Amino acid sequence: MNEQQFTREIRAALDEASGRLPFRVVHRLEQARLAALSRQRTGTVRVVASARQVALAGAGGPSQESQSPWRRVLVTLLPVLALIAGLMAISVWNDTETADEIAEIDSAMLTDEVPLTAYTDRGFGVFLKNSREP
């Protein structure tokens, strides 16, 4: 399938789907198209626009220019702060898990029948290795 055929199929699917749109959506799209055409005639069309600006303009929401600078800073920093908080939570959880594992090993050593000095003996590691093998 070549590119032109693919484009025709997409156009046909969009034309078919546009017939089923609610009247409100069709009316908003028509108003947006008329506004775009009037801006094009006056020559004030901005060539570069982000996807968010296009979506907000079509939805009737505030554009990027009408937002306060503090809101833009907050919207930018909020995901970064959420990421930092998540990483800190993971670090605390990891430290807690490690501390629990160490405490379990310590309690096993203290309740074991083997004296603590046996763990420092060089031959004890060899003894453990040989005792595990059948």
Protein backbone atom coordinates (compact mmCIF):
# COMPACT_ATOMS: atom_id res chain seq x y z
CA MET A 1 0.00 0.00 0.00
CA ASN A 2 1.51 3.30 -1.03
CA GLU A 3 1.26 6.58 0.82
CA GLN A 4 -1.38 8.18 -1.42
CA GLN A 5 -3.71 5.21 -1.12
CA PHE A 6 -3.25 5.19 2.65
CA THR A 7 -4.05 8.93 2.73
CA ARG A 8 -7.23 8.38 0.71
CA GLU A 9 -8.37 5.62 3.07
CA ILE A 10 -7.78 7.82 6.10
CA ARG A 11 -9.65 10.72 4.48
CA ALA A 12 -12.59 8.42 3.67
CA ALA A 13 -12.71 7.09 7.23
CA LEU A 14 -12.60 10.61 8.65
CA ASP A 15 -15.32 11.82 6.28
CA GLU A 16 -17.52 8.90 7.28
CA ALA A 17 -16.90 9.48 11.01
CA SER A 18 -17.52 13.22 10.74
CA GLY A 19 -21.14 12.52 9.79
CA ARG A 20 -21.72 10.93 13.20
CA LEU A 21 -20.34 13.79 15.32
CA PRO A 22 -22.70 15.59 17.73
CA PHE A 23 -23.94 19.02 16.66
CA ARG A 24 -21.99 20.78 19.46
CA VAL A 25 -18.71 19.35 18.24
CA VAL A 26 -19.46 20.21 14.62
CA HIS A 27 -20.38 23.75 15.63
CA ARG A 28 -17.15 24.21 17.66
CA LEU A 29 -15.06 22.87 14.79
CA GLU A 30 -16.79 25.21 12.37
CA GLN A 31 -16.20 28.20 14.67
CA ALA A 32 -12.52 27.25 15.07
CA ARG A 33 -12.14 26.93 11.30
CA LEU A 34 -13.75 30.33 10.71
CA ALA A 35 -11.53 31.93 13.35
CA ALA A 36 -8.44 30.37 11.74
CA LEU A 37 -9.46 31.59 8.32
CA SER A 38 -10.06 35.13 9.60
CA ARG A 39 -6.62 35.16 11.26
CA GLN A 40 -5.05 33.90 8.05
CA ARG A 41 -6.63 36.73 6.07
CA THR A 42 -5.33 39.35 8.50
CA GLY A 43 -1.87 37.79 8.51
CA THR A 44 -1.61 37.25 12.29
CA VAL A 45 -1.41 33.48 12.19
CA ARG A 46 1.38 32.03 14.30
CA VAL A 47 3.12 29.37 12.29
CA VAL A 48 4.53 27.40 15.21
CA ALA A 49 2.07 26.16 17.83
CA SER A 50 2.42 23.34 20.29
CA ALA A 51 -0.04 20.48 20.33
CA ARG A 52 -1.29 21.64 23.73
CA GLN A 53 -2.06 25.14 22.43
CA VAL A 54 -3.94 23.72 19.46
CA ALA A 55 -5.94 21.38 21.69
CA LEU A 56 -6.76 24.12 24.20
CA ALA A 57 -7.74 26.57 21.47
CA GLY A 58 -10.07 24.03 19.91
CA ALA A 59 -11.58 23.13 23.28
CA GLY A 60 -12.14 26.75 24.23
CA GLY A 61 -9.66 26.60 27.13
CA PRO A 62 -7.06 29.19 28.12
CA SER A 63 -4.00 29.49 25.94
CA GLN A 64 -0.45 29.33 27.21
CA GLU A 65 -0.07 33.12 26.99
CA SER A 66 -3.08 33.82 29.22
CA GLN A 67 -1.80 31.64 32.08
CA SER A 68 -0.02 33.31 34.95
CA PRO A 69 3.74 32.73 35.22
CA TRP A 70 3.30 31.11 38.63
CA ARG A 71 0.85 28.61 37.22
CA ARG A 72 3.28 27.69 34.44
CA VAL A 73 6.06 27.22 37.02
CA LEU A 74 3.77 25.09 39.19
CA VAL A 75 2.67 22.95 36.24
CA THR A 76 6.31 22.45 35.30
CA LEU A 77 7.58 21.69 38.80
CA LEU A 78 4.71 19.50 40.00
CA PRO A 79 5.74 16.38 38.01
CA VAL A 80 9.36 16.86 39.05
CA LEU A 81 8.36 17.08 42.72
CA ALA A 82 6.18 13.99 42.35
CA LEU A 83 9.12 12.09 40.84
CA ILE A 84 11.44 13.16 43.66
CA ALA A 85 8.87 12.16 46.30
CA GLY A 86 8.46 8.77 44.64
CA LEU A 87 12.20 8.15 44.53
CA MET A 88 12.52 9.13 48.20
CA ALA A 89 9.70 6.74 49.12
CA ILE A 90 11.41 3.91 47.22
CA SER A 91 14.69 4.67 49.01
CA VAL A 92 13.04 4.61 52.45
CA TRP A 93 11.26 1.37 51.62
CA ASN A 94 14.52 -0.20 50.42
CA ASP A 95 16.35 0.89 53.59
CA THR A 96 13.57 -0.59 55.73
CA GLU A 97 13.72 -3.89 53.87
CA THR A 98 17.50 -4.05 54.25
CA ALA A 99 17.28 -3.26 57.97
CA ASP A 100 14.66 -6.00 58.43
CA GLU A 101 16.88 -8.54 56.66
CA ILE A 102 19.89 -7.59 58.80
CA ALA A 103 17.79 -7.80 61.98
CA GLU A 104 16.58 -11.26 60.95
CA ILE A 105 20.16 -12.46 60.40
CA ASP A 106 21.27 -10.98 63.74
CA SER A 107 18.42 -12.63 65.63
CA ALA A 108 19.20 -15.96 63.95
CA MET A 109 22.85 -15.68 64.98
CA LEU A 110 21.99 -14.76 68.58
CA THR A 111 19.48 -17.59 69.02
CA ASP A 112 21.70 -20.18 67.34
CA GLU A 113 23.42 -22.85 69.45
CA VAL A 114 26.79 -22.12 67.84
CA PRO A 115 28.93 -19.73 69.93
CA LEU A 116 29.67 -16.32 68.39
CA THR A 117 33.41 -17.00 68.37
CA ALA A 118 32.83 -19.82 65.89
CA TYR A 119 31.81 -17.32 63.24
CA THR A 120 35.21 -15.63 63.44
CA ASP A 121 37.12 -18.90 63.15
CA ARG A 122 38.72 -19.44 59.72
CA GLY A 123 37.82 -23.10 59.61
CA PHE A 124 34.16 -22.45 60.30
CA GLY A 125 33.45 -21.40 56.68
CA VAL A 126 35.11 -24.60 55.43
CA PHE A 127 33.09 -26.60 57.98
CA LEU A 128 29.84 -25.03 56.75
CA LYS A 129 30.75 -25.66 53.12
CA ASN A 130 31.57 -29.31 53.78
CA SER A 131 28.53 -29.91 55.97
CA ARG A 132 26.10 -28.73 53.27
CA GLU A 133 27.51 -31.06 50.60
CA PRO A 134 26.28 -34.68 50.86
